[in-house]
PDB file of all heavy atoms in Angstrom:
ATOM      1  N   ASN A   1     139.577  69.790  94.054  1.00  0.00           N
ATOM      2  CA  ASN A   1     140.660  69.369  94.852  1.00  0.00           C
ATOM      3  C   ASN A   1     141.015  67.978  95.121  1.00  0.00           C
ATOM      4  O   ASN A   1     142.209  67.570  95.163  1.00  0.00           O
ATOM      5  CB  ASN A   1     140.320  69.892  96.318  1.00  0.00           C
ATOM      6  CG  ASN A   1     140.470  71.458  96.527  1.00  0.00           C
ATOM      7  OD1 ASN A   1     141.276  72.070  95.800  1.00  0.00           O
ATOM      8  ND2 ASN A   1     140.003  72.108  97.529  1.00  0.00           N
ATOM      9  N   ARG A   2     140.042  67.123  94.911  1.00  0.00           N
ATOM     10  CA  ARG A   2     140.304  65.625  95.071  1.00  0.00           C
ATOM     11  C   ARG A   2     141.249  65.253  93.867  1.00  0.00           C
ATOM     12  O   ARG A   2     142.176  64.392  94.017  1.00  0.00           O
ATOM     13  CB  ARG A   2     138.962  64.812  94.696  1.00  0.00           C
ATOM     14  CG  ARG A   2     139.193  63.397  94.835  1.00  0.00           C
ATOM     15  CD  ARG A   2     137.671  62.612  94.624  1.00  0.00           C
ATOM     16  NE  ARG A   2     137.220  62.973  93.358  1.00  0.00           N
ATOM     17  CZ  ARG A   2     136.001  63.546  93.192  1.00  0.00           C
ATOM     18  NH1 ARG A   2     135.406  64.100  94.188  1.00  0.00           N
ATOM     19  NH2 ARG A   2     135.635  63.972  91.967  1.00  0.00           N
ATOM     20  N   ASP A   3     140.937  65.817  92.601  1.00  0.00           N
ATOM     21  CA  ASP A   3     141.769  65.408  91.388  1.00  0.00           C
ATOM     22  C   ASP A   3     143.121  66.191  91.451  1.00  0.00           C
ATOM     23  O   ASP A   3     144.142  65.712  91.028  1.00  0.00           O
ATOM     24  CB  ASP A   3     141.042  65.713  90.218  1.00  0.00           C
ATOM     25  CG  ASP A   3     139.871  64.766  90.037  1.00  0.00           C
ATOM     26  OD1 ASP A   3     139.780  63.563  90.256  1.00  0.00           O
ATOM     27  OD2 ASP A   3     138.750  65.179  89.681  1.00  0.00           O
ATOM     28  N   ALA A   4     142.998  67.512  91.860  1.00  0.00           N
ATOM     29  CA  ALA A   4     144.227  68.316  91.773  1.00  0.00           C
ATOM     30  C   ALA A   4     145.313  67.799  92.714  1.00  0.00           C
ATOM     31  O   ALA A   4     146.480  68.081  92.530  1.00  0.00           O
ATOM     32  CB  ALA A   4     143.848  69.767  92.295  1.00  0.00           C
ATOM     33  N   ALA A   5     144.910  67.086  93.791  1.00  0.00           N
ATOM     34  CA  ALA A   5     145.996  66.545  94.664  1.00  0.00           C
ATOM     35  C   ALA A   5     146.858  65.497  94.033  1.00  0.00           C
ATOM     36  O   ALA A   5     148.014  65.270  94.402  1.00  0.00           O
ATOM     37  CB  ALA A   5     145.234  65.815  95.973  1.00  0.00           C
ATOM     38  N   GLN A   6     146.387  64.978  92.847  1.00  0.00           N
ATOM     39  CA  GLN A   6     147.135  64.170  91.894  1.00  0.00           C
ATOM     40  C   GLN A   6     147.744  64.710  90.802  1.00  0.00           C
ATOM     41  O   GLN A   6     148.214  64.197  89.875  1.00  0.00           O
ATOM     42  CB  GLN A   6     146.284  62.986  91.533  1.00  0.00           C
ATOM     43  CG  GLN A   6     145.659  62.243  92.646  1.00  0.00           C
ATOM     44  CD  GLN A   6     146.533  61.677  93.735  1.00  0.00           C
ATOM     45  OE1 GLN A   6     147.503  60.992  93.292  1.00  0.00           O
ATOM     46  NE2 GLN A   6     146.260  61.755  94.948  1.00  0.00           N
ATOM     47  N   GLY A   7     147.495  66.115  90.657  1.00  0.00           N
ATOM     48  CA  GLY A   7     147.931  66.976  89.460  1.00  0.00           C
ATOM     49  C   GLY A   7     147.005  66.786  88.293  1.00  0.00           C
ATOM     50  O   GLY A   7     147.474  66.899  87.132  1.00  0.00           O
ATOM     51  N   LEU A   8     145.811  66.365  88.523  1.00  0.00           N
ATOM     52  CA  LEU A   8     144.879  66.078  87.438  1.00  0.00           C
ATOM     53  C   LEU A   8     143.773  66.948  87.361  1.00  0.00           C
ATOM     54  O   LEU A   8     143.381  67.545  88.281  1.00  0.00           O
ATOM     55  CB  LEU A   8     144.292  64.630  87.601  1.00  0.00           C
ATOM     56  CG  LEU A   8     145.482  63.391  87.717  1.00  0.00           C
ATOM     57  CD1 LEU A   8     144.754  62.129  87.988  1.00  0.00           C
ATOM     58  CD2 LEU A   8     146.258  63.307  86.467  1.00  0.00           C
ATOM     59  N   ASP A   9     143.120  67.083  86.242  1.00  0.00           N
ATOM     60  CA  ASP A   9     142.000  67.906  85.945  1.00  0.00           C
ATOM     61  C   ASP A   9     141.270  67.178  84.844  1.00  0.00           C
ATOM     62  O   ASP A   9     141.075  67.717  83.674  1.00  0.00           O
ATOM     63  CB  ASP A   9     142.306  69.358  85.533  1.00  0.00           C
ATOM     64  CG  ASP A   9     140.964  70.202  85.275  1.00  0.00           C
ATOM     65  OD1 ASP A   9     139.914  69.792  85.746  1.00  0.00           O
ATOM     66  OD2 ASP A   9     141.134  71.139  84.475  1.00  0.00           O
ATOM     67  N   PRO A  10     140.554  66.061  85.313  1.00  0.00           N
ATOM     68  CA  PRO A  10     139.710  65.428  84.267  1.00  0.00           C
ATOM     69  C   PRO A  10     138.543  66.092  83.791  1.00  0.00           C
ATOM     70  O   PRO A  10     138.058  65.871  82.636  1.00  0.00           O
ATOM     71  CB  PRO A  10     139.307  64.030  85.055  1.00  0.00           C
ATOM     72  CG  PRO A  10     139.340  64.411  86.427  1.00  0.00           C
ATOM     73  CD  PRO A  10     140.516  65.391  86.588  1.00  0.00           C
ATOM     74  N   ALA A  11     138.002  66.948  84.485  1.00  0.00           N
ATOM     75  CA  ALA A  11     136.903  67.817  83.939  1.00  0.00           C
ATOM     76  C   ALA A  11     137.161  68.775  82.810  1.00  0.00           C
ATOM     77  O   ALA A  11     136.348  68.698  81.807  1.00  0.00           O
ATOM     78  CB  ALA A  11     136.334  68.649  85.165  1.00  0.00           C
ATOM     79  N   PHE A  12     138.304  69.349  82.856  1.00  0.00           N
ATOM     80  CA  PHE A  12     138.622  70.380  81.819  1.00  0.00           C
ATOM     81  C   PHE A  12     140.032  70.238  81.182  1.00  0.00           C
ATOM     82  O   PHE A  12     140.314  70.867  80.209  1.00  0.00           O
ATOM     83  CB  PHE A  12     138.403  71.747  82.220  1.00  0.00           C
ATOM     84  CG  PHE A  12     136.934  72.080  82.546  1.00  0.00           C
ATOM     85  CD1 PHE A  12     136.417  71.981  83.833  1.00  0.00           C
ATOM     86  CD2 PHE A  12     136.130  72.306  81.525  1.00  0.00           C
ATOM     87  CE1 PHE A  12     135.074  72.240  84.067  1.00  0.00           C
ATOM     88  CE2 PHE A  12     134.800  72.605  81.808  1.00  0.00           C
ATOM     89  CZ  PHE A  12     134.127  72.580  83.070  1.00  0.00           C
ATOM     90  N   GLY A  13     140.933  69.408  81.738  1.00  0.00           N
ATOM     91  CA  GLY A  13     142.173  69.210  81.073  1.00  0.00           C
ATOM     92  C   GLY A  13     143.197  70.332  81.340  1.00  0.00           C
ATOM     93  O   GLY A  13     143.896  70.536  80.374  1.00  0.00           O
ATOM     94  N   ARG A  14     143.157  70.862  82.340  1.00  0.00           N
ATOM     95  CA  ARG A  14     144.135  71.951  82.659  1.00  0.00           C
ATOM     96  C   ARG A  14     145.591  71.302  82.481  1.00  0.00           C
ATOM     97  O   ARG A  14     145.896  70.298  83.092  1.00  0.00           O
ATOM     98  CB  ARG A  14     144.060  72.560  84.025  1.00  0.00           C
ATOM     99  CG  ARG A  14     143.018  73.713  84.156  1.00  0.00           C
ATOM    100  CD  ARG A  14     143.041  74.150  85.619  1.00  0.00           C
ATOM    101  NE  ARG A  14     144.134  74.901  85.912  1.00  0.00           N
ATOM    102  CZ  ARG A  14     144.105  76.120  86.246  1.00  0.00           C
ATOM    103  NH1 ARG A  14     142.840  76.817  86.134  1.00  0.00           N
ATOM    104  NH2 ARG A  14     145.258  76.835  86.600  1.00  0.00           N
ATOM    105  N   GLY A  15     146.545  71.954  81.780  1.00  0.00           N
ATOM    106  CA  GLY A  15     147.896  71.349  81.591  1.00  0.00           C
ATOM    107  C   GLY A  15     147.992  70.350  80.574  1.00  0.00           C
ATOM    108  O   GLY A  15     149.118  69.778  80.313  1.00  0.00           O
ATOM    109  N   ASP A  16     147.027  70.127  79.652  1.00  0.00           N
ATOM    110  CA  ASP A  16     147.110  69.112  78.706  1.00  0.00           C
ATOM    111  C   ASP A  16     147.630  69.466  77.361  1.00  0.00           C
ATOM    112  O   ASP A  16     148.023  68.793  76.520  1.00  0.00           O
ATOM    113  CB  ASP A  16     145.655  68.637  78.326  1.00  0.00           C
ATOM    114  CG  ASP A  16     145.146  67.592  79.391  1.00  0.00           C
ATOM    115  OD1 ASP A  16     145.774  67.315  80.254  1.00  0.00           O
ATOM    116  OD2 ASP A  16     143.886  67.200  79.212  1.00  0.00           O
ATOM    117  N   THR A  17     147.943  70.911  77.221  1.00  0.00           N
ATOM    118  CA  THR A  17     148.589  71.410  75.895  1.00  0.00           C
ATOM    119  C   THR A  17     149.889  72.002  76.309  1.00  0.00           C
ATOM    120  O   THR A  17     150.151  72.562  77.349  1.00  0.00           O
ATOM    121  CB  THR A  17     147.693  72.255  75.194  1.00  0.00           C
ATOM    122  OG1 THR A  17     147.527  73.473  75.926  1.00  0.00           O
ATOM    123  CG2 THR A  17     146.411  71.551  74.877  1.00  0.00           C
ATOM    124  N   PRO A  18     150.825  72.126  75.273  1.00  0.00           N
ATOM    125  CA  PRO A  18     152.016  72.919  75.632  1.00  0.00           C
ATOM    126  C   PRO A  18     151.775  74.354  76.035  1.00  0.00           C
ATOM    127  O   PRO A  18     152.513  74.908  76.850  1.00  0.00           O
ATOM    128  CB  PRO A  18     152.655  72.905  74.128  1.00  0.00           C
ATOM    129  CG  PRO A  18     152.301  71.676  73.560  1.00  0.00           C
ATOM    130  CD  PRO A  18     150.735  71.432  74.089  1.00  0.00           C
ATOM    131  N   TYR A  19     150.661  75.044  75.457  1.00  0.00           N
ATOM    132  CA  TYR A  19     150.485  76.381  75.688  1.00  0.00           C
ATOM    133  C   TYR A  19     149.959  76.493  77.176  1.00  0.00           C
ATOM    134  O   TYR A  19     150.360  77.361  77.883  1.00  0.00           O
ATOM    135  CB  TYR A  19     149.377  76.987  74.897  1.00  0.00           C
ATOM    136  CG  TYR A  19     148.921  78.354  75.233  1.00  0.00           C
ATOM    137  CD1 TYR A  19     149.713  79.443  75.003  1.00  0.00           C
ATOM    138  CD2 TYR A  19     147.725  78.637  75.958  1.00  0.00           C
ATOM    139  CE1 TYR A  19     149.330  80.740  75.347  1.00  0.00           C
ATOM    140  CE2 TYR A  19     147.309  79.851  76.412  1.00  0.00           C
ATOM    141  CZ  TYR A  19     148.159  81.010  76.108  1.00  0.00           C
ATOM    142  OH  TYR A  19     147.778  82.268  76.438  1.00  0.00           O
ATOM    143  N   ASN A  20     149.093  75.545  77.658  1.00  0.00           N
ATOM    144  CA  ASN A  20     148.766  75.507  79.138  1.00  0.00           C
ATOM    145  C   ASN A  20     149.955  75.397  79.950  1.00  0.00           C
ATOM    146  O   ASN A  20     150.139  76.204  80.922  1.00  0.00           O
ATOM    147  CB  ASN A  20     147.949  74.380  79.422  1.00  0.00           C
ATOM    148  CG  ASN A  20     146.439  74.390  79.017  1.00  0.00           C
ATOM    149  OD1 ASN A  20     145.668  73.493  79.386  1.00  0.00           O
ATOM    150  ND2 ASN A  20     146.029  75.472  78.423  1.00  0.00           N
ATOM    151  N   ARG A  21     150.858  74.523  79.529  1.00  0.00           N
ATOM    152  CA  ARG A  21     152.059  74.315  80.520  1.00  0.00           C
ATOM    153  C   ARG A  21     152.974  75.588  80.535  1.00  0.00           C
ATOM    154  O   ARG A  21     153.506  75.766  81.594  1.00  0.00           O
ATOM    155  CB  ARG A  21     152.799  73.009  80.076  1.00  0.00           C
ATOM    156  CG  ARG A  21     151.963  71.772  80.316  1.00  0.00           C
ATOM    157  CD  ARG A  21     152.679  70.507  80.115  1.00  0.00           C
ATOM    158  NE  ARG A  21     152.938  70.310  78.703  1.00  0.00           N
ATOM    159  CZ  ARG A  21     152.150  69.667  77.839  1.00  0.00           C
ATOM    160  NH1 ARG A  21     150.830  69.190  78.273  1.00  0.00           N
ATOM    161  NH2 ARG A  21     152.472  69.408  76.631  1.00  0.00           N
ATOM    162  N   VAL A  22     153.126  76.175  79.344  1.00  0.00           N
ATOM    163  CA  VAL A  22     154.047  77.326  79.241  1.00  0.00           C
ATOM    164  C   VAL A  22     153.386  78.374  80.168  1.00  0.00           C
ATOM    165  O   VAL A  22     154.112  79.160  80.814  1.00  0.00           O
ATOM    166  CB  VAL A  22     154.205  77.826  77.888  1.00  0.00           C
ATOM    167  CG1 VAL A  22     154.765  79.277  77.863  1.00  0.00           C
ATOM    168  CG2 VAL A  22     155.128  76.899  77.119  1.00  0.00           C
ATOM    169  N   GLN A  23     152.184  78.599  80.282  1.00  0.00           N
ATOM    170  CA  GLN A  23     151.489  79.573  81.072  1.00  0.00           C
ATOM    171  C   GLN A  23     151.498  79.295  82.555  1.00  0.00           C
ATOM    172  O   GLN A  23     151.295  80.156  83.235  1.00  0.00           O
ATOM    173  CB  GLN A  23     150.067  79.886  80.621  1.00  0.00           C
ATOM    174  CG  GLN A  23     149.968  80.465  79.108  1.00  0.00           C
ATOM    175  CD  GLN A  23     150.412  81.851  79.154  1.00  0.00           C
ATOM    176  OE1 GLN A  23     151.579  82.145  78.743  1.00  0.00           O
ATOM    177  NE2 GLN A  23     149.483  82.791  79.569  1.00  0.00           N
ATOM    178  N   GLY A  24     151.642  77.980  82.936  1.00  0.00           N
ATOM    179  CA  GLY A  24     151.631  77.633  84.331  1.00  0.00           C
ATOM    180  C   GLY A  24     153.025  77.854  85.007  1.00  0.00           C
ATOM    181  O   GLY A  24     153.680  78.795  84.565  1.00  0.00           O
ATOM    182  N   ASP A  25     153.271  77.189  86.066  1.00  0.00           N
ATOM    183  CA  ASP A  25     154.557  77.448  86.948  1.00  0.00           C
ATOM    184  C   ASP A  25     155.310  76.196  86.649  1.00  0.00           C
ATOM    185  O   ASP A  25     154.978  75.107  87.175  1.00  0.00           O
ATOM    186  CB  ASP A  25     154.024  77.589  88.287  1.00  0.00           C
ATOM    187  CG  ASP A  25     155.318  77.815  89.237  1.00  0.00           C
ATOM    188  OD1 ASP A  25     156.404  77.650  88.739  1.00  0.00           O
ATOM    189  OD2 ASP A  25     155.061  78.400  90.279  1.00  0.00           O
ATOM    190  N   PRO A  26     156.433  76.289  86.046  1.00  0.00           N
ATOM    191  CA  PRO A  26     157.304  75.085  85.710  1.00  0.00           C
ATOM    192  C   PRO A  26     157.942  74.475  86.956  1.00  0.00           C
ATOM    193  O   PRO A  26     158.236  73.232  86.947  1.00  0.00           O
ATOM    194  CB  PRO A  26     158.301  75.697  84.681  1.00  0.00           C
ATOM    195  CG  PRO A  26     158.350  77.033  85.019  1.00  0.00           C
ATOM    196  CD  PRO A  26     157.074  77.515  85.403  1.00  0.00           C
ATOM    197  N   GLU A  27     157.899  75.263  87.956  1.00  0.00           N
ATOM    198  CA  GLU A  27     158.423  74.733  89.245  1.00  0.00           C
ATOM    199  C   GLU A  27     157.462  73.795  89.989  1.00  0.00           C
ATOM    200  O   GLU A  27     157.932  73.109  90.951  1.00  0.00           O
ATOM    201  CB  GLU A  27     158.978  75.770  90.195  1.00  0.00           C
ATOM    202  CG  GLU A  27     160.159  76.548  89.623  1.00  0.00           C
ATOM    203  CD  GLU A  27     160.547  77.743  90.455  1.00  0.00           C
ATOM    204  OE1 GLU A  27     160.229  77.657  91.582  1.00  0.00           O
ATOM    205  OE2 GLU A  27     161.401  78.522  89.989  1.00  0.00           O
ATOM    206  N   HIS A  28     156.228  73.811  89.476  1.00  0.00           N
ATOM    207  CA  HIS A  28     155.161  73.077  90.283  1.00  0.00           C
ATOM    208  C   HIS A  28     154.937  71.836  89.422  1.00  0.00           C
ATOM    209  O   HIS A  28     154.463  71.824  88.205  1.00  0.00           O
ATOM    210  CB  HIS A  28     153.959  73.935  90.493  1.00  0.00           C
ATOM    211  CG  HIS A  28     152.885  73.116  91.123  1.00  0.00           C
ATOM    212  ND1 HIS A  28     152.759  72.996  92.512  1.00  0.00           N
ATOM    213  CD2 HIS A  28     151.731  72.364  90.604  1.00  0.00           C
ATOM    214  CE1 HIS A  28     151.690  72.355  92.777  1.00  0.00           C
ATOM    215  NE2 HIS A  28     151.136  71.887  91.707  1.00  0.00           N
ATOM    216  N   GLN A  29     155.086  70.706  89.994  1.00  0.00           N
ATOM    217  CA  GLN A  29     154.929  69.312  89.368  1.00  0.00           C
ATOM    218  C   GLN A  29     154.025  68.521  90.282  1.00  0.00           C
ATOM    219  O   GLN A  29     153.935  68.649  91.395  1.00  0.00           O
ATOM    220  CB  GLN A  29     156.471  68.802  89.150  1.00  0.00           C
ATOM    221  CG  GLN A  29     157.264  69.469  88.130  1.00  0.00           C
ATOM    222  CD  GLN A  29     156.690  69.655  86.792  1.00  0.00           C
ATOM    223  OE1 GLN A  29     155.919  68.761  86.251  1.00  0.00           O
ATOM    224  NE2 GLN A  29     157.017  70.790  86.276  1.00  0.00           N
ATOM    225  N   PRO A  30     153.357  67.554  89.580  1.00  0.00           N
ATOM    226  CA  PRO A  30     153.556  67.056  88.177  1.00  0.00           C
ATOM    227  C   PRO A  30     152.890  67.900  87.027  1.00  0.00           C
ATOM    228  O   PRO A  30     153.131  67.723  85.865  1.00  0.00           O
ATOM    229  CB  PRO A  30     153.047  65.622  88.238  1.00  0.00           C
ATOM    230  CG  PRO A  30     151.841  65.609  89.213  1.00  0.00           C
ATOM    231  CD  PRO A  30     152.449  66.539  90.324  1.00  0.00           C
ATOM    232  N   ASN A  31     151.913  68.798  87.509  1.00  0.00           N
ATOM    233  CA  ASN A  31     151.274  69.673  86.467  1.00  0.00           C
ATOM    234  C   ASN A  31     151.356  70.970  86.840  1.00  0.00           C
ATOM    235  O   ASN A  31     150.912  71.523  87.951  1.00  0.00           O
ATOM    236  CB  ASN A  31     149.757  69.181  86.524  1.00  0.00           C
ATOM    237  CG  ASN A  31     148.897  69.781  85.449  1.00  0.00           C
ATOM    238  OD1 ASN A  31     149.283  70.914  84.884  1.00  0.00           O
ATOM    239  ND2 ASN A  31     147.716  69.138  84.986  1.00  0.00           N
ATOM    240  N   PRO A  32     152.047  71.763  85.912  1.00  0.00           N
ATOM    241  CA  PRO A  32     152.345  73.080  86.303  1.00  0.00           C
ATOM    242  C   PRO A  32     151.112  74.089  86.308  1.00  0.00           C
ATOM    243  O   PRO A  32     151.198  75.233  86.643  1.00  0.00           O
ATOM    244  CB  PRO A  32     153.186  73.692  85.099  1.00  0.00           C
ATOM    245  CG  PRO A  32     152.913  72.650  84.094  1.00  0.00           C
ATOM    246  CD  PRO A  32     152.583  71.451  84.643  1.00  0.00           C
ATOM    247  N   CYS A  33     149.899  73.518  86.017  1.00  0.00           N
ATOM    248  CA  CYS A  33     148.700  74.200  85.973  1.00  0.00           C
ATOM    249  C   CYS A  33     147.728  73.865  87.050  1.00  0.00           C
ATOM    250  O   CYS A  33     146.646  74.463  87.084  1.00  0.00           O
ATOM    251  CB  CYS A  33     147.992  74.149  84.585  1.00  0.00           C
ATOM    252  SG  CYS A  33     149.050  74.714  83.230  1.00  0.00           S
ATOM    253  N   VAL A  34     147.976  72.832  87.818  1.00  0.00           N
ATOM    254  CA  VAL A  34     147.088  72.305  88.807  1.00  0.00           C
ATOM    255  C   VAL A  34     147.481  72.135  90.161  1.00  0.00           C
ATOM    256  O   VAL A  34     148.627  71.505  90.325  1.00  0.00           O
ATOM    257  CB  VAL A  34     146.475  70.902  88.174  1.00  0.00           C
ATOM    258  CG1 VAL A  34     145.607  70.321  89.239  1.00  0.00           C
ATOM    259  CG2 VAL A  34     145.808  71.089  86.875  1.00  0.00           C
ATOM    260  N   ALA A  35     146.814  72.726  91.140  1.00  0.00           N
ATOM    261  CA  ALA A  35     147.196  72.478  92.507  1.00  0.00           C
ATOM    262  C   ALA A  35     145.860  72.641  93.325  1.00  0.00           C
ATOM    263  O   ALA A  35     144.908  73.358  92.955  1.00  0.00           O
ATOM    264  CB  ALA A  35     148.156  73.440  93.091  1.00  0.00           C
ATOM    265  N   PRO A  36     145.742  71.925  94.372  1.00  0.00           N
ATOM    266  CA  PRO A  36     144.522  72.122  95.203  1.00  0.00           C
ATOM    267  C   PRO A  36     144.384  73.558  95.640  1.00  0.00           C
ATOM    268  O   PRO A  36     145.351  74.319  95.912  1.00  0.00           O
ATOM    269  CB  PRO A  36     144.772  71.095  96.499  1.00  0.00           C
ATOM    270  CG  PRO A  36     145.777  70.202  95.975  1.00  0.00           C
ATOM    271  CD  PRO A  36     146.671  70.944  95.056  1.00  0.00           C
ATOM    272  N   ILE A  37     143.168  73.838  96.055  1.00  0.00           N
ATOM    273  CA  ILE A  37     142.785  75.291  96.637  1.00  0.00           C
ATOM    274  C   ILE A  37     142.509  75.148  98.006  1.00  0.00           C
ATOM    275  O   ILE A  37     141.594  74.317  98.412  1.00  0.00           O
ATOM    276  CB  ILE A  37     141.773  75.988  95.779  1.00  0.00           C
ATOM    277  CG1 ILE A  37     142.061  76.043  94.427  1.00  0.00           C
ATOM    278  CG2 ILE A  37     141.207  77.157  96.471  1.00  0.00           C
ATOM    279  CD1 ILE A  37     140.941  76.553  93.383  1.00  0.00           C
ATOM    280  N   GLY A  38     143.142  75.825  98.904  1.00  0.00           N
ATOM    281  CA  GLY A  38     142.986  75.746 100.339  1.00  0.00           C
ATOM    282  C   GLY A  38     144.230  75.572 101.066  1.00  0.00           C
ATOM    283  O   GLY A  38     145.366  75.435 100.341  1.00  0.00           O
ATOM    284  N   PRO A  39     144.154  75.680 102.343  1.00  0.00           N
ATOM    285  CA  PRO A  39     143.071  75.879 103.238  1.00  0.00           C
ATOM    286  C   PRO A  39     142.600  77.495 103.031  1.00  0.00           C
ATOM    287  O   PRO A  39     143.327  78.251 102.435  1.00  0.00           O
ATOM    288  CB  PRO A  39     143.600  75.786 104.619  1.00  0.00           C
ATOM    289  CG  PRO A  39     145.161  76.071 104.530  1.00  0.00           C
ATOM    290  CD  PRO A  39     145.394  75.637 103.075  1.00  0.00           C
ATOM    291  N   ALA A  40     141.519  77.736 103.771  1.00  0.00           N
ATOM    292  CA  ALA A  40     140.966  79.093 103.715  1.00  0.00           C
ATOM    293  C   ALA A  40     141.923  80.003 104.512  1.00  0.00           C
ATOM    294  O   ALA A  40     142.631  79.395 105.395  1.00  0.00           O
ATOM    295  CB  ALA A  40     139.562  79.051 104.376  1.00  0.00           C
ATOM    296  N   PRO A  41     141.951  81.374 104.444  1.00  0.00           N
ATOM    297  CA  PRO A  41     140.820  82.132 103.651  1.00  0.00           C
ATOM    298  C   PRO A  41     141.035  81.925 102.052  1.00  0.00           C
ATOM    299  O   PRO A  41     142.055  81.789 101.520  1.00  0.00           O
ATOM    300  CB  PRO A  41     141.072  83.598 104.123  1.00  0.00           C
ATOM    301  CG  PRO A  41     142.520  83.634 104.393  1.00  0.00           C
ATOM    302  CD  PRO A  41     142.816  82.246 104.922  1.00  0.00           C
ATOM    303  N   LEU A  42     139.848  82.116 101.366  1.00  0.00           N
ATOM    304  CA  LEU A  42     139.784  82.104 100.068  1.00  0.00           C
ATOM    305  C   LEU A  42     139.433  83.563  99.556  1.00  0.00           C
ATOM    306  O   LEU A  42     138.927  84.286 100.176  1.00  0.00           O
ATOM    307  CB  LEU A  42     138.763  81.076  99.496  1.00  0.00           C
ATOM    308  CG  LEU A  42     138.800  79.661 100.072  1.00  0.00           C
ATOM    309  CD1 LEU A  42     137.644  78.835  99.422  1.00  0.00           C
ATOM    310  CD2 LEU A  42     140.212  79.078  99.731  1.00  0.00           C
TER     311      LEU A  42
END
């Protein structure tokens, strides 16, 4: 969540390839594959 708040995933690179981005949500920026998780319930 700390990195996702900035649209980043330094651990595994979600959104780093065209295939990732096509599979994500183009309306969600800056990274169509990354968003924080929460609040609960989970």
